[in-house]
Protein backbone atom coordinates (compact mmCIF):
# COMPACT_ATOMS: atom_id res chain seq x y z
CA MET A 1 17.67 3.76 -8.81
CA GLN A 2 17.78 7.56 -8.86
CA CYS A 3 15.13 7.66 -6.13
CA GLU A 4 17.19 5.32 -3.94
CA GLY A 5 20.28 7.47 -4.43
CA ARG A 6 18.38 10.58 -3.47
CA ALA A 7 16.95 8.85 -0.40
CA LYS A 8 20.44 7.74 0.64
CA ASN A 9 21.81 11.28 0.23
CA LEU A 10 18.92 12.68 2.24
CA ALA A 11 19.55 10.04 4.89
CA ALA A 12 23.14 11.26 5.23
CA TRP A 13 21.92 14.84 5.57
CA HIS A 14 19.31 13.81 8.11
CA ASP A 15 22.03 12.01 10.03
CA GLU A 16 23.78 15.36 10.40
CA LEU A 17 20.53 16.97 11.52
CA LEU A 18 20.04 14.23 14.09
CA THR A 19 23.35 15.26 15.61
CA TRP A 20 22.75 19.02 15.45
CA LEU A 21 19.11 19.18 16.53
CA ARG A 22 19.25 16.82 19.48
CA ASP A 23 18.28 17.92 22.96
CA GLY A 24 17.34 21.44 22.00
CA GLU A 25 14.82 23.64 20.31
CA GLY A 26 15.02 21.55 17.14
CA GLU A 27 14.12 18.21 18.75
CA ASP A 28 10.52 18.43 17.48
CA ARG A 29 11.78 18.83 13.92
CA LEU A 30 13.34 15.38 14.07
CA ASP A 31 9.86 13.85 14.17
CA LEU A 32 8.90 15.85 11.08
CA ILE A 33 12.01 14.66 9.26
CA ALA A 34 11.26 11.05 10.18
CA GLN A 35 7.81 11.34 8.60
CA HIS A 36 8.89 13.18 5.45
CA PRO A 37 8.07 11.26 2.24
CA ALA A 38 11.44 12.11 0.65
CA LEU A 39 13.18 9.82 3.12
CA ALA A 40 12.05 6.37 2.07
CA GLY A 41 12.67 2.69 2.66
CA PRO A 42 15.19 1.37 5.13
CA GLU A 43 16.80 4.81 5.45
CA THR A 44 13.61 6.00 7.13
CA ASP A 45 13.68 3.06 9.52
CA PHE A 46 17.37 3.64 10.22
CA PHE A 47 16.73 7.28 11.08
CA LEU A 48 13.78 6.32 13.28
CA ALA A 49 15.77 3.55 14.97
CA ARG A 50 18.50 6.00 15.92
CA LEU A 51 15.95 8.54 17.10
CA CYS A 52 14.15 5.90 19.19
CA TRP A 53 17.43 4.72 20.70
CA ARG A 54 18.28 8.27 21.75
CA ARG A 55 14.86 8.61 23.34
CA GLY A 56 15.25 5.41 25.36
CA GLN A 57 12.94 3.29 23.19
CA ALA A 58 15.36 0.37 22.86
CA ALA A 59 12.83 -2.28 21.84
CA ARG A 60 11.38 -0.13 19.06
CA SER A 61 14.87 0.79 17.87
CA ARG A 62 15.88 -2.87 17.62
CA GLU A 63 12.63 -3.74 15.85
CA LEU A 64 13.27 -1.08 13.22
CA MET A 65 16.88 -2.20 12.77
CA ALA A 66 15.78 -5.81 12.29
CA GLY A 67 13.75 -4.60 9.31
CA CYS A 68 16.70 -2.63 7.93
CA LEU A 69 18.99 -5.64 8.22
CA LYS A 70 16.44 -7.91 6.62
CA ARG A 71 16.27 -5.66 3.57
CA TYR A 72 20.01 -4.86 3.39
CA PRO A 73 21.86 -7.42 5.52
CA GLY A 74 25.33 -6.28 4.47
CA ALA A 75 24.89 -2.51 4.90
CA ILE A 76 27.86 -1.42 6.99
CA GLU A 77 26.11 1.51 8.65
CA PHE A 78 23.17 -0.69 9.61
CA LEU A 79 25.43 -3.41 10.99
CA ALA A 80 27.49 -0.91 12.97
CA PHE A 81 24.44 0.61 14.63
CA ALA A 82 22.88 -2.81 15.25
CA ASN A 83 26.08 -3.83 17.01
CA GLU A 84 26.04 -0.59 19.02
CA ILE A 85 22.55 -1.33 20.32
CA GLY A 86 23.30 -4.94 21.17
CA MET A 87 22.04 -6.74 18.10
CA ALA A 88 25.33 -8.29 16.95
CA ALA A 89 24.11 -11.87 17.30
CA ARG A 90 20.82 -11.12 15.54
CA SER A 91 22.47 -9.26 12.65
CA GLN A 92 24.54 -12.31 11.73
CA SER A 93 21.50 -14.55 11.20
């Protein structure tokens, strides 16, 4: 449980980095963050899904979100992003 809590906290921090490092010198660091072992489970997929969406990789983003929703179907942040990328109907099933 402690590991999951740490991963969730890191996911929140990485969310901030996703905002601050986009479209600039730090863009390459986002790929390093996405591959870091400290970010685990669906939080990794959520980060990658958002990164893919920003980069125009809609299909990959939706695929990753489907996995997130399968593991945690009621997670508000997952549902909100899934809705944002046009997965509302899929997230309800």
